Amino acid sequence: MVKKATGIELDGDPGNWFAIKSYVDTVYVGSFSIGGKTTYTDDDGKETEITGRTVREKIFNYQLKSSCFNFAYNSETDKFTFTTYGYGHGVGLSQNGANNLAKVWGYNYKEILSYYYPNTEIK
């Protein structure tokens, strides 16, 4: 899947094939490395950064439910396990978060929209 999506050849210890380099909003995978590389050349010849979104959309073809994920390699079974948290892309309003803001904190719709979209004018 990796080679088909990115052209990156993986060799050596599989435990070193993948690494999360940074996070966005502390939970979503930001920068990601595959085979020690943080970029690949896409189908248009453009150098493209490898991110959690790239892994979710391009490599796993949306089989991962979110770019909020972690992974582990088991050398005994020679298998990777990817665990996702939540659903979606991590951009914009979270339905569960909005629901909790309303139920737990008593936010109204204007307060919820202001929370998710700061510096916007709500009329």
PDB file of N, CA and C in Angstrom:
ATOM      1  N   MET A   1       0.826  -1.202   0.000  1.00  0.00           N
ATOM      2  CA  MET A   1       0.000   0.000   0.000  1.00  0.00           C
ATOM      3  C   MET A   1       0.866   1.260   0.000  1.00  0.00           C
ATOM      4  N   VAL A   2       1.924   1.224   0.798  1.00  0.00           N
ATOM      5  CA  VAL A   2       2.803   2.388   0.885  1.00  0.00           C
ATOM      6  C   VAL A   2       3.489   2.644  -0.446  1.00  0.00           C
ATOM      7  N   LYS A   3       4.052   1.603  -1.034  1.00  0.00           N
ATOM      8  CA  LYS A   3       4.774   1.777  -2.306  1.00  0.00           C
ATOM      9  C   LYS A   3       3.820   2.255  -3.399  1.00  0.00           C
ATOM     10  N   LYS A   4       2.629   1.662  -3.463  1.00  0.00           N
ATOM     11  CA  LYS A   4       1.663   2.044  -4.495  1.00  0.00           C
ATOM     12  C   LYS A   4       1.242   3.514  -4.356  1.00  0.00           C
ATOM     13  N   ALA A   5       1.045   3.965  -3.122  1.00  0.00           N
ATOM     14  CA  ALA A   5       0.567   5.337  -2.894  1.00  0.00           C
ATOM     15  C   ALA A   5       1.673   6.381  -2.964  1.00  0.00           C
ATOM     16  N   THR A   6       2.895   6.019  -2.522  1.00  0.00           N
ATOM     17  CA  THR A   6       3.948   7.025  -2.403  1.00  0.00           C
ATOM     18  C   THR A   6       5.202   6.724  -3.199  1.00  0.00           C
ATOM     19  N   GLY A   7       5.367   5.478  -3.625  1.00  0.00           N
ATOM     20  CA  GLY A   7       6.596   5.082  -4.305  1.00  0.00           C
ATOM     21  C   GLY A   7       7.739   4.792  -3.354  1.00  0.00           C
ATOM     22  N   ILE A   8       7.498   4.885  -2.052  1.00  0.00           N
ATOM     23  CA  ILE A   8       8.549   4.656  -1.062  1.00  0.00           C
ATOM     24  C   ILE A   8       8.730   3.153  -0.843  1.00  0.00           C
ATOM     25  N   GLU A   9       9.957   2.698  -1.018  1.00  0.00           N
ATOM     26  CA  GLU A   9      10.320   1.301  -0.779  1.00  0.00           C
ATOM     27  C   GLU A   9      10.650   1.142   0.702  1.00  0.00           C
ATOM     28  N   LEU A  10      10.076   0.149   1.332  1.00  0.00           N
ATOM     29  CA  LEU A  10      10.361  -0.114   2.743  1.00  0.00           C
ATOM     30  C   LEU A  10      11.274  -1.327   2.860  1.00  0.00           C
ATOM     31  N   ASP A  11      12.368  -1.156   3.616  1.00  0.00           N
ATOM     32  CA  ASP A  11      13.263  -2.280   3.863  1.00  0.00           C
ATOM     33  C   ASP A  11      13.824  -2.156   5.269  1.00  0.00           C
ATOM     34  N   GLY A  12      14.535  -3.162   5.693  1.00  0.00           N
ATOM     35  CA  GLY A  12      15.095  -3.146   7.042  1.00  0.00           C
ATOM     36  C   GLY A  12      14.043  -3.514   8.083  1.00  0.00           C
ATOM     37  N   ASP A  13      14.279  -3.088   9.304  1.00  0.00           N
ATOM     38  CA  ASP A  13      13.423  -3.404  10.442  1.00  0.00           C
ATOM     39  C   ASP A  13      12.064  -2.711  10.315  1.00  0.00           C
ATOM     40  N   PRO A  14      10.973  -3.475  10.199  1.00  0.00           N
ATOM     41  CA  PRO A  14       9.643  -2.867  10.091  1.00  0.00           C
ATOM     42  C   PRO A  14       9.296  -1.979  11.287  1.00  0.00           C
ATOM     43  N   GLY A  15       9.887  -2.247  12.435  1.00  0.00           N
ATOM     44  CA  GLY A  15       9.644  -1.409  13.608  1.00  0.00           C
ATOM     45  C   GLY A  15      10.110   0.019  13.418  1.00  0.00           C
ATOM     46  N   ASN A  16      10.934   0.253  12.398  1.00  0.00           N
ATOM     47  CA  ASN A  16      11.434   1.605  12.110  1.00  0.00           C
ATOM     48  C   ASN A  16      10.795   2.222  10.860  1.00  0.00           C
ATOM     49  N   TRP A  17       9.843   1.554  10.266  1.00  0.00           N
ATOM     50  CA  TRP A  17       9.252   2.052   9.020  1.00  0.00           C
ATOM     51  C   TRP A  17       8.441   3.321   9.205  1.00  0.00           C
ATOM     52  N   PHE A  18       7.711   3.425  10.295  1.00  0.00           N
ATOM     53  CA  PHE A  18       6.792   4.555  10.497  1.00  0.00           C
ATOM     54  C   PHE A  18       7.148   5.308  11.766  1.00  0.00           C
ATOM     55  N   ALA A  19       6.925   6.626  11.741  1.00  0.00           N
ATOM     56  CA  ALA A  19       7.115   7.444  12.938  1.00  0.00           C
ATOM     57  C   ALA A  19       6.231   8.677  12.873  1.00  0.00           C
ATOM     58  N   ILE A  20       5.577   8.966  13.972  1.00  0.00           N
ATOM     59  CA  ILE A  20       4.814  10.211  14.099  1.00  0.00           C
ATOM     60  C   ILE A  20       5.806  11.279  14.540  1.00  0.00           C
ATOM     61  N   LYS A  21       5.927  12.332  13.738  1.00  0.00           N
ATOM     62  CA  LYS A  21       6.896  13.389  14.003  1.00  0.00           C
ATOM     63  C   LYS A  21       6.295  14.564  14.763  1.00  0.00           C
ATOM     64  N   SER A  22       4.999  14.846  14.521  1.00  0.00           N
ATOM     65  CA  SER A  22       4.350  15.960  15.211  1.00  0.00           C
ATOM     66  C   SER A  22       2.839  15.749  15.213  1.00  0.00           C
ATOM     67  N   TYR A  23       2.180  16.534  16.036  1.00  0.00           N
ATOM     68  CA  TYR A  23       0.723  16.478  16.153  1.00  0.00           C
ATOM     69  C   TYR A  23       0.125  17.846  15.865  1.00  0.00           C
ATOM     70  N   VAL A  24      -1.134  17.843  15.447  1.00  0.00           N
ATOM     71  CA  VAL A  24      -1.914  19.062  15.261  1.00  0.00           C
ATOM     72  C   VAL A  24      -2.976  19.045  16.342  1.00  0.00           C
ATOM     73  N   ASP A  25      -3.125  20.138  17.061  1.00  0.00           N
ATOM     74  CA  ASP A  25      -4.084  20.239  18.165  1.00  0.00           C
ATOM     75  C   ASP A  25      -3.887  19.112  19.171  1.00  0.00           C
ATOM     76  N   THR A  26      -2.668  18.687  19.359  1.00  0.00           N
ATOM     77  CA  THR A  26      -2.212  17.672  20.317  1.00  0.00           C
ATOM     78  C   THR A  26      -2.749  16.258  20.090  1.00  0.00           C
ATOM     79  N   VAL A  27      -3.654  16.032  19.145  1.00  0.00           N
ATOM     80  CA  VAL A  27      -4.216  14.688  18.962  1.00  0.00           C
ATOM     81  C   VAL A  27      -4.150  14.172  17.527  1.00  0.00           C
ATOM     82  N   TYR A  28      -4.232  15.049  16.554  1.00  0.00           N
ATOM     83  CA  TYR A  28      -4.214  14.620  15.156  1.00  0.00           C
ATOM     84  C   TYR A  28      -2.766  14.504  14.685  1.00  0.00           C
ATOM     85  N   VAL A  29      -2.480  13.437  13.946  1.00  0.00           N
ATOM     86  CA  VAL A  29      -1.117  13.244  13.463  1.00  0.00           C
ATOM     87  C   VAL A  29      -0.796  14.337  12.456  1.00  0.00           C
ATOM     88  N   GLY A  30       0.255  15.064  12.729  1.00  0.00           N
ATOM     89  CA  GLY A  30       0.714  16.108  11.818  1.00  0.00           C
ATOM     90  C   GLY A  30       1.716  15.509  10.854  1.00  0.00           C
ATOM     91  N   SER A  31       2.998  15.760  11.098  1.00  0.00           N
ATOM     92  CA  SER A  31       4.057  15.223  10.249  1.00  0.00           C
ATOM     93  C   SER A  31       4.300  13.755  10.589  1.00  0.00           C
ATOM     94  N   PHE A  32       4.530  12.971   9.536  1.00  0.00           N
ATOM     95  CA  PHE A  32       4.688  11.520   9.670  1.00  0.00           C
ATOM     96  C   PHE A  32       5.830  11.099   8.766  1.00  0.00           C
ATOM     97  N   SER A  33       6.624  10.146   9.211  1.00  0.00           N
ATOM     98  CA  SER A  33       7.686   9.665   8.323  1.00  0.00           C
ATOM     99  C   SER A  33       7.454   8.208   7.969  1.00  0.00           C
ATOM    100  N   ILE A  34       7.789   7.886   6.740  1.00  0.00           N
ATOM    101  CA  ILE A  34       7.689   6.524   6.222  1.00  0.00           C
ATOM    102  C   ILE A  34       9.050   6.178   5.639  1.00  0.00           C
ATOM    103  N   GLY A  35       9.642   5.115   6.168  1.00  0.00           N
ATOM    104  CA  GLY A  35      10.971   4.731   5.696  1.00  0.00           C
ATOM    105  C   GLY A  35      11.979   5.848   5.869  1.00  0.00           C
ATOM    106  N   GLY A  36      11.796   6.672   6.912  1.00  0.00           N
ATOM    107  CA  GLY A  36      12.695   7.787   7.182  1.00  0.00           C
ATOM    108  C   GLY A  36      12.416   9.028   6.354  1.00  0.00           C
ATOM    109  N   LYS A  37      11.427   8.990   5.480  1.00  0.00           N
ATOM    110  CA  LYS A  37      11.114  10.141   4.627  1.00  0.00           C
ATOM    111  C   LYS A  37       9.848  10.842   5.100  1.00  0.00           C
ATOM    112  N   THR A  38       9.852  12.161   5.037  1.00  0.00           N
ATOM    113  CA  THR A  38       8.674  12.942   5.426  1.00  0.00           C
ATOM    114  C   THR A  38       7.979  13.565   4.220  1.00  0.00           C
ATOM    115  N   THR A  39       8.496  13.278   3.030  1.00  0.00           N
ATOM    116  CA  THR A  39       7.858  13.737   1.787  1.00  0.00           C
ATOM    117  C   THR A  39       7.935  12.622   0.749  1.00  0.00           C
ATOM    118  N   TYR A  40       7.113  12.747  -0.275  1.00  0.00           N
ATOM    119  CA  TYR A  40       7.153  11.831  -1.417  1.00  0.00           C
ATOM    120  C   TYR A  40       6.756  12.623  -2.648  1.00  0.00           C
ATOM    121  N   THR A  41       7.033  12.090  -3.809  1.00  0.00           N
ATOM    122  CA  THR A  41       6.659  12.738  -5.063  1.00  0.00           C
ATOM    123  C   THR A  41       5.313  12.177  -5.500  1.00  0.00           C
ATOM    124  N   ASP A  42       4.310  13.069  -5.624  1.00  0.00           N
ATOM    125  CA  ASP A  42       2.967  12.605  -5.982  1.00  0.00           C
ATOM    126  C   ASP A  42       2.854  12.336  -7.482  1.00  0.00           C
ATOM    127  N   ASP A  43       1.659  11.944  -7.911  1.00  0.00           N
ATOM    128  CA  ASP A  43       1.430  11.572  -9.312  1.00  0.00           C
ATOM    129  C   ASP A  43       1.676  12.716 -10.282  1.00  0.00           C
ATOM    130  N   ASP A  44       1.596  13.963  -9.790  1.00  0.00           N
ATOM    131  CA  ASP A  44       1.833  15.132 -10.641  1.00  0.00           C
ATOM    132  C   ASP A  44       3.285  15.591 -10.613  1.00  0.00           C
ATOM    133  N   GLY A  45       4.141  14.818  -9.916  1.00  0.00           N
ATOM    134  CA  GLY A  45       5.552  15.182  -9.831  1.00  0.00           C
ATOM    135  C   GLY A  45       5.846  16.201  -8.756  1.00  0.00           C
ATOM    136  N   LYS A  46       4.873  16.500  -7.907  1.00  0.00           N
ATOM    137  CA  LYS A  46       5.035  17.504  -6.851  1.00  0.00           C
ATOM    138  C   LYS A  46       5.504  16.836  -5.560  1.00  0.00           C
ATOM    139  N   GLU A  47       6.466  17.463  -4.895  1.00  0.00           N
ATOM    140  CA  GLU A  47       6.942  16.980  -3.600  1.00  0.00           C
ATOM    141  C   GLU A  47       5.856  17.256  -2.562  1.00  0.00           C
ATOM    142  N   THR A  48       5.394  16.207  -1.899  1.00  0.00           N
ATOM    143  CA  THR A  48       4.251  16.309  -0.992  1.00  0.00           C
ATOM    144  C   THR A  48       4.646  15.843   0.400  1.00  0.00           C
ATOM    145  N   GLU A  49       4.272  16.633   1.410  1.00  0.00           N
ATOM    146  CA  GLU A  49       4.551  16.270   2.798  1.00  0.00           C
ATOM    147  C   GLU A  49       3.686  15.080   3.213  1.00  0.00           C
ATOM    148  N   ILE A  50       4.263  14.184   3.973  1.00  0.00           N
ATOM    149  CA  ILE A  50       3.514  13.056   4.516  1.00  0.00           C
ATOM    150  C   ILE A  50       2.947  13.484   5.867  1.00  0.00           C
ATOM    151  N   THR A  51       1.642  13.458   5.973  1.00  0.00           N
ATOM    152  CA  THR A  51       0.944  13.843   7.201  1.00  0.00           C
ATOM    153  C   THR A  51      -0.002  12.717   7.608  1.00  0.00           C
ATOM    154  N   GLY A  52      -0.617  12.886   8.748  1.00  0.00           N
ATOM    155  CA  GLY A  52      -1.630  11.930   9.171  1.00  0.00           C
ATOM    156  C   GLY A  52      -2.764  11.848   8.165  1.00  0.00           C
ATOM    157  N   ARG A  53      -3.088  12.979   7.593  1.00  0.00           N
ATOM    158  CA  ARG A  53      -4.143  13.005   6.569  1.00  0.00           C
ATOM    159  C   ARG A  53      -3.706  12.227   5.328  1.00  0.00           C
ATOM    160  N   THR A  54      -2.444  12.365   4.937  1.00  0.00           N
ATOM    161  CA  THR A  54      -1.908  11.601   3.809  1.00  0.00           C
ATOM    162  C   THR A  54      -2.035  10.108   4.077  1.00  0.00           C
ATOM    163  N   VAL A  55      -1.639   9.708   5.283  1.00  0.00           N
ATOM    164  CA  VAL A  55      -1.700   8.294   5.649  1.00  0.00           C
ATOM    165  C   VAL A  55      -3.137   7.804   5.582  1.00  0.00           C
ATOM    166  N   ARG A  56      -4.048   8.577   6.163  1.00  0.00           N
ATOM    167  CA  ARG A  56      -5.468   8.185   6.187  1.00  0.00           C
ATOM    168  C   ARG A  56      -6.068   8.117   4.789  1.00  0.00           C
ATOM    169  N   GLU A  57      -5.876   9.178   4.009  1.00  0.00           N
ATOM    170  CA  GLU A  57      -6.566   9.302   2.722  1.00  0.00           C
ATOM    171  C   GLU A  57      -5.831   8.622   1.569  1.00  0.00           C
ATOM    172  N   LYS A  58      -4.556   8.888   1.422  1.00  0.00           N
ATOM    173  CA  LYS A  58      -3.813   8.426   0.248  1.00  0.00           C
ATOM    174  C   LYS A  58      -3.343   6.979   0.396  1.00  0.00           C
ATOM    175  N   ILE A  59      -2.763   6.658   1.539  1.00  0.00           N
ATOM    176  CA  ILE A  59      -2.194   5.326   1.705  1.00  0.00           C
ATOM    177  C   ILE A  59      -3.266   4.302   2.069  1.00  0.00           C
ATOM    178  N   PHE A  60      -4.097   4.641   3.057  1.00  0.00           N
ATOM    179  CA  PHE A  60      -5.110   3.690   3.512  1.00  0.00           C
ATOM    180  C   PHE A  60      -6.471   3.894   2.852  1.00  0.00           C
ATOM    181  N   ASN A  61      -6.536   4.814   1.900  1.00  0.00           N
ATOM    182  CA  ASN A  61      -7.769   5.031   1.138  1.00  0.00           C
ATOM    183  C   ASN A  61      -8.999   5.114   2.050  1.00  0.00           C
ATOM    184  N   TYR A  62      -8.880   5.932   3.090  1.00  0.00           N
ATOM    185  CA  TYR A  62      -9.949   6.195   4.063  1.00  0.00           C
ATOM    186  C   TYR A  62     -10.329   4.979   4.910  1.00  0.00           C
ATOM    187  N   GLN A  63      -9.503   3.954   4.937  1.00  0.00           N
ATOM    188  CA  GLN A  63      -9.781   2.819   5.823  1.00  0.00           C
ATOM    189  C   GLN A  63      -9.545   3.192   7.286  1.00  0.00           C
ATOM    190  N   LEU A  64      -8.705   4.198   7.530  1.00  0.00           N
ATOM    191  CA  LEU A  64      -8.580   4.754   8.877  1.00  0.00           C
ATOM    192  C   LEU A  64      -9.693   5.784   9.023  1.00  0.00           C
ATOM    193  N   LYS A  65     -10.424   5.738  10.117  1.00  0.00           N
ATOM    194  CA  LYS A  65     -11.591   6.601  10.274  1.00  0.00           C
ATOM    195  C   LYS A  65     -11.234   8.042  10.617  1.00  0.00           C
ATOM    196  N   SER A  66      -9.988   8.301  10.964  1.00  0.00           N
ATOM    197  CA  SER A  66      -9.576   9.638  11.362  1.00  0.00           C
ATOM    198  C   SER A  66      -8.071   9.768  11.210  1.00  0.00           C
ATOM    199  N   SER A  67      -7.599  10.999  11.167  1.00  0.00           N
ATOM    200  CA  SER A  67      -6.153  11.221  11.191  1.00  0.00           C
ATOM    201  C   SER A  67      -5.675  11.391  12.635  1.00  0.00           C
ATOM    202  N   CYS A  68      -6.561  11.114  13.568  1.00  0.00           N
ATOM    203  CA  CYS A  68      -6.214  11.014  14.984  1.00  0.00           C
ATOM    204  C   CYS A  68      -5.991   9.522  15.238  1.00  0.00           C
ATOM    205  N   PHE A  69      -4.740   9.098  15.148  1.00  0.00           N
ATOM    206  CA  PHE A  69      -4.461   7.671  15.272  1.00  0.00           C
ATOM    207  C   PHE A  69      -3.120   7.426  15.928  1.00  0.00           C
ATOM    208  N   ASN A  70      -2.929   6.193  16.319  1.00  0.00           N
ATOM    209  CA  ASN A  70      -1.660   5.719  16.813  1.00  0.00           C
ATOM    210  C   ASN A  70      -1.415   4.370  16.157  1.00  0.00           C
ATOM    211  N   PHE A  71      -0.236   3.851  16.272  1.00  0.00           N
ATOM    212  CA  PHE A  71       0.056   2.551  15.665  1.00  0.00           C
ATOM    213  C   PHE A  71       1.077   1.817  16.513  1.00  0.00           C
ATOM    214  N   ALA A  72       1.118   0.512  16.336  1.00  0.00           N
ATOM    215  CA  ALA A  72       2.107  -0.316  17.016  1.00  0.00           C
ATOM    216  C   ALA A  72       2.512  -1.443  16.078  1.00  0.00           C
ATOM    217  N   TYR A  73       3.750  -1.851  16.195  1.00  0.00           N
ATOM    218  CA  TYR A  73       4.248  -2.980  15.419  1.00  0.00           C
ATOM    219  C   TYR A  73       4.538  -4.125  16.366  1.00  0.00           C
ATOM    220  N   ASN A  74       4.046  -5.320  16.041  1.00  0.00           N
ATOM    221  CA  ASN A  74       4.300  -6.513  16.826  1.00  0.00           C
ATOM    222  C   ASN A  74       5.272  -7.387  16.041  1.00  0.00           C
ATOM    223  N   SER A  75       6.505  -7.484  16.528  1.00  0.00           N
ATOM    224  CA  SER A  75       7.530  -8.244  15.802  1.00  0.00           C
ATOM    225  C   SER A  75       7.257  -9.749  15.831  1.00  0.00           C
ATOM    226  N   GLU A  76       6.522 -10.216  16.826  1.00  0.00           N
ATOM    227  CA  GLU A  76       6.212 -11.651  16.889  1.00  0.00           C
ATOM    228  C   GLU A  76       5.227 -12.067  15.794  1.00  0.00           C
ATOM    229  N   THR A  77       4.257 -11.208  15.508  1.00  0.00           N
ATOM    230  CA  THR A  77       3.269 -11.521  14.464  1.00  0.00           C
ATOM    231  C   THR A  77       3.628 -10.859  13.140  1.00  0.00           C
ATOM    232  N   ASP A  78       4.615  -9.942  13.174  1.00  0.00           N
ATOM    233  CA  ASP A  78       5.018  -9.173  11.995  1.00  0.00           C
ATOM    234  C   ASP A  78       3.836  -8.384  11.432  1.00  0.00           C
ATOM    235  N   LYS A  79       3.043  -7.781  12.345  1.00  0.00           N
ATOM    236  CA  LYS A  79       1.869  -7.004  11.926  1.00  0.00           C
ATOM    237  C   LYS A  79       1.840  -5.652  12.619  1.00  0.00           C
ATOM    238  N   PHE A  80       1.288  -4.683  11.893  1.00  0.00           N
ATOM    239  CA  PHE A  80       1.034  -3.361  12.439  1.00  0.00           C
ATOM    240  C   PHE A  80      -0.430  -3.275  12.851  1.00  0.00           C
ATOM    241  N   THR A  81      -0.679  -2.556  13.936  1.00  0.00           N
ATOM    242  CA  THR A  81      -2.044  -2.263  14.349  1.00  0.00           C
ATOM    243  C   THR A  81      -2.189  -0.745  14.408  1.00  0.00           C
ATOM    244  N   PHE A  82      -3.122  -0.219  13.642  1.00  0.00           N
ATOM    245  CA  PHE A  82      -3.433   1.201  13.673  1.00  0.00           C
ATOM    246  C   PHE A  82      -4.734   1.370  14.444  1.00  0.00           C
ATOM    247  N   THR A  83      -4.715   2.253  15.426  1.00  0.00           N
ATOM    248  CA  THR A  83      -5.895   2.528  16.236  1.00  0.00           C
ATOM    249  C   THR A  83      -6.296   3.984  16.016  1.00  0.00           C
ATOM    250  N   THR A  84      -7.536   4.193  15.580  1.00  0.00           N
ATOM    251  CA  THR A  84      -8.021   5.558  15.364  1.00  0.00           C
ATOM    252  C   THR A  84      -8.900   5.971  16.527  1.00  0.00           C
ATOM    253  N   TYR A  85      -8.994   7.280  16.708  1.00  0.00           N
ATOM    254  CA  TYR A  85      -9.807   7.858  17.770  1.00  0.00           C
ATOM    255  C   TYR A  85     -10.772   8.841  17.115  1.00  0.00           C
ATOM    256  N   GLY A  86     -12.052   8.555  17.193  1.00  0.00           N
ATOM    257  CA  GLY A  86     -13.056   9.422  16.600  1.00  0.00           C
ATOM    258  C   GLY A  86     -13.211   9.172  15.113  1.00  0.00           C
ATOM    259  N   TYR A  87     -13.939  10.073  14.500  1.00  0.00           N
ATOM    260  CA  TYR A  87     -14.218   9.997  13.071  1.00  0.00           C
ATOM    261  C   TYR A  87     -13.940  11.364  12.466  1.00  0.00           C
ATOM    262  N   GLY A  88     -13.590  11.386  11.209  1.00  0.00           N
ATOM    263  CA  GLY A  88     -13.504  12.662  10.508  1.00  0.00           C
ATOM    264  C   GLY A  88     -12.107  13.156  10.270  1.00  0.00           C
ATOM    265  N   HIS A  89     -12.046  14.416   9.863  1.00  0.00           N
ATOM    266  CA  HIS A  89     -10.820  15.012   9.367  1.00  0.00           C
ATOM    267  C   HIS A  89     -10.134  15.928  10.351  1.00  0.00           C
ATOM    268  N   GLY A  90     -10.802  16.266  11.462  1.00  0.00           N
ATOM    269  CA  GLY A  90     -10.171  17.130  12.451  1.00  0.00           C
ATOM    270  C   GLY A  90     -10.205  18.591  12.100  1.00  0.00           C
ATOM    271  N   VAL A  91     -11.054  18.962  11.176  1.00  0.00           N
ATOM    272  CA  VAL A  91     -11.167  20.361  10.780  1.00  0.00           C
ATOM    273  C   VAL A  91     -12.610  20.789  10.982  1.00  0.00           C
ATOM    274  N   GLY A  92     -12.796  21.858  11.706  1.00  0.00           N
ATOM    275  CA  GLY A  92     -14.149  22.375  11.864  1.00  0.00           C
ATOM    276  C   GLY A  92     -14.822  21.925  13.139  1.00  0.00           C
ATOM    277  N   LEU A  93     -16.133  21.945  13.102  1.00  0.00           N
ATOM    278  CA  LEU A  93     -16.941  21.694  14.276  1.00  0.00           C
ATOM    279  C   LEU A  93     -17.098  20.200  14.545  1.00  0.00           C
ATOM    280  N   SER A  94     -16.845  19.812  15.787  1.00  0.00           N
ATOM    281  CA  SER A  94     -17.040  18.430  16.212  1.00  0.00           C
ATOM    282  C   SER A  94     -18.461  18.280  16.740  1.00  0.00           C
ATOM    283  N   GLN A  95     -19.205  17.358  16.179  1.00  0.00           N
ATOM    284  CA  GLN A  95     -20.581  17.150  16.635  1.00  0.00           C
ATOM    285  C   GLN A  95     -20.621  16.712  18.093  1.00  0.00           C
ATOM    286  N   ASN A  96     -19.740  15.794  18.460  1.00  0.00           N
ATOM    287  CA  ASN A  96     -19.702  15.347  19.856  1.00  0.00           C
ATOM    288  C   ASN A  96     -19.261  16.464  20.790  1.00  0.00           C
ATOM    289  N   GLY A  97     -18.266  17.215  20.365  1.00  0.00           N
ATOM    290  CA  GLY A  97     -17.804  18.342  21.180  1.00  0.00           C
ATOM    291  C   GLY A  97     -18.876  19.393  21.356  1.00  0.00           C
ATOM    292  N   ALA A  98     -19.576  19.728  20.275  1.00  0.00           N
ATOM    293  CA  ALA A  98     -20.655  20.717  20.351  1.00  0.00           C
ATOM    294  C   ALA A  98     -21.768  20.228  21.270  1.00  0.00           C
ATOM    295  N   ASN A  99     -22.100  18.963  21.161  1.00  0.00           N
ATOM    296  CA  ASN A  99     -23.130  18.381  22.010  1.00  0.00           C
ATOM    297  C   ASN A  99     -22.730  18.472  23.490  1.00  0.00           C
ATOM    298  N   ASN A 100     -21.472  18.170  23.792  1.00  0.00           N
ATOM    299  CA  ASN A 100     -20.995  18.272  25.176  1.00  0.00           C
ATOM    300  C   ASN A 100     -20.958  19.715  25.665  1.00  0.00           C
ATOM    301  N   LEU A 101     -20.562  20.635  24.811  1.00  0.00           N
ATOM    302  CA  LEU A 101     -20.575  22.045  25.215  1.00  0.00           C
ATOM    303  C   LEU A 101     -21.983  22.480  25.598  1.00  0.00           C
ATOM    304  N   ALA A 102     -22.969  22.011  24.863  1.00  0.00           N
ATOM    305  CA  ALA A 102     -24.358  22.362  25.162  1.00  0.00           C
ATOM    306  C   ALA A 102     -24.854  21.664  26.427  1.00  0.00           C
ATOM    307  N   LYS A 103     -24.675  20.358  26.497  1.00  0.00           N
ATOM    308  CA  LYS A 103     -25.231  19.583  27.620  1.00  0.00           C
ATOM    309  C   LYS A 103     -24.490  19.808  28.935  1.00  0.00           C
ATOM    310  N   VAL A 104     -23.173  19.794  28.875  1.00  0.00           N
ATOM    311  CA  VAL A 104     -22.384  19.877  30.106  1.00  0.00           C
ATOM    312  C   VAL A 104     -22.159  21.319  30.543  1.00  0.00           C
ATOM    313  N   TRP A 105     -21.872  22.189  29.594  1.00  0.00           N
ATOM    314  CA  TRP A 105     -21.492  23.557  29.931  1.00  0.00           C
ATOM    315  C   TRP A 105     -22.603  24.573  29.681  1.00  0.00           C
ATOM    316  N   GLY A 106     -23.679  24.135  29.079  1.00  0.00           N
ATOM    317  CA  GLY A 106     -24.814  25.028  28.865  1.00  0.00           C
ATOM    318  C   GLY A 106     -24.622  26.060  27.757  1.00  0.00           C
ATOM    319  N   TYR A 107     -23.708  25.814  26.840  1.00  0.00           N
ATOM    320  CA  TYR A 107     -23.481  26.747  25.738  1.00  0.00           C
ATOM    321  C   TYR A 107     -24.710  26.783  24.829  1.00  0.00           C
ATOM    322  N   ASN A 108     -25.007  27.973  24.296  1.00  0.00           N
ATOM    323  CA  ASN A 108     -26.039  28.069  23.265  1.00  0.00           C
ATOM    324  C   ASN A 108     -25.365  27.985  21.899  1.00  0.00           C
ATOM    325  N   TYR A 109     -26.151  28.002  20.837  1.00  0.00           N
ATOM    326  CA  TYR A 109     -25.562  27.788  19.501  1.00  0.00           C
ATOM    327  C   TYR A 109     -24.561  28.862  19.129  1.00  0.00           C
ATOM    328  N   LYS A 110     -24.788  30.116  19.558  1.00  0.00           N
ATOM    329  CA  LYS A 110     -23.841  31.179  19.219  1.00  0.00           C
ATOM    330  C   LYS A 110     -22.510  30.972  19.943  1.00  0.00           C
ATOM    331  N   GLU A 111     -22.584  30.542  21.191  1.00  0.00           N
ATOM    332  CA  GLU A 111     -21.354  30.288  21.945  1.00  0.00           C
ATOM    333  C   GLU A 111     -20.583  29.099  21.359  1.00  0.00           C
ATOM    334  N   ILE A 112     -21.312  28.088  20.929  1.00  0.00           N
ATOM    335  CA  ILE A 112     -20.663  26.925  20.314  1.00  0.00           C
ATOM    336  C   ILE A 112     -19.980  27.314  19.012  1.00  0.00           C
ATOM    337  N   LEU A 113     -20.681  28.057  18.168  1.00  0.00           N
ATOM    338  CA  LEU A 113     -20.074  28.496  16.906  1.00  0.00           C
ATOM    339  C   LEU A 113     -18.863  29.396  17.150  1.00  0.00           C
ATOM    340  N   SER A 114     -18.946  30.268  18.149  1.00  0.00           N
ATOM    341  CA  SER A 114     -17.812  31.138  18.480  1.00  0.00           C
ATOM    342  C   SER A 114     -16.626  30.327  19.002  1.00  0.00           C
ATOM    343  N   TYR A 115     -16.905  29.260  19.712  1.00  0.00           N
ATOM    344  CA  TYR A 115     -15.850  28.388  20.228  1.00  0.00           C
ATOM    345  C   TYR A 115     -15.090  27.730  19.078  1.00  0.00           C
ATOM    346  N   TYR A 116     -15.817  27.202  18.107  1.00  0.00           N
ATOM    347  CA  TYR A 116     -15.181  26.478  16.993  1.00  0.00           C
ATOM    348  C   TYR A 116     -14.666  27.410  15.890  1.00  0.00           C
ATOM    349  N   TYR A 117     -15.270  28.562  15.773  1.00  0.00           N
ATOM    350  CA  TYR A 117     -14.880  29.503  14.717  1.00  0.00           C
ATOM    351  C   TYR A 117     -14.605  30.868  15.337  1.00  0.00           C
ATOM    352  N   PRO A 118     -13.496  30.977  16.105  1.00  0.00           N
ATOM    353  CA  PRO A 118     -13.188  32.254  16.760  1.00  0.00           C
ATOM    354  C   PRO A 118     -12.946  33.360  15.742  1.00  0.00           C
ATOM    355  N   ASN A 119     -13.161  34.565  16.173  1.00  0.00           N
ATOM    356  CA  ASN A 119     -12.950  35.758  15.350  1.00  0.00           C
ATOM    357  C   ASN A 119     -13.905  35.841  14.163  1.00  0.00           C
ATOM    358  N   THR A 120     -15.074  35.196  14.283  1.00  0.00           N
ATOM    359  CA  THR A 120     -16.098  35.340  13.264  1.00  0.00           C
ATOM    360  C   THR A 120     -17.265  36.079  13.878  1.00  0.00           C
ATOM    361  N   GLU A 121     -18.024  36.729  13.023  1.00  0.00           N
ATOM    362  CA  GLU A 121     -19.192  37.478  13.482  1.00  0.00           C
ATOM    363  C   GLU A 121     -20.439  36.619  13.243  1.00  0.00           C
ATOM    364  N   ILE A 122     -21.181  36.402  14.316  1.00  0.00           N
ATOM    365  CA  ILE A 122     -22.394  35.592  14.235  1.00  0.00           C
ATOM    366  C   ILE A 122     -23.583  36.517  14.450  1.00  0.00           C
ATOM    367  N   LYS A 123     -24.473  36.543  13.480  1.00  0.00           N
ATOM    368  CA  LYS A 123     -25.628  37.456  13.571  1.00  0.00           C
ATOM    369  C   LYS A 123     -26.882  36.702  13.868  1.00  0.00           C
TER     370      LYS A 123
END
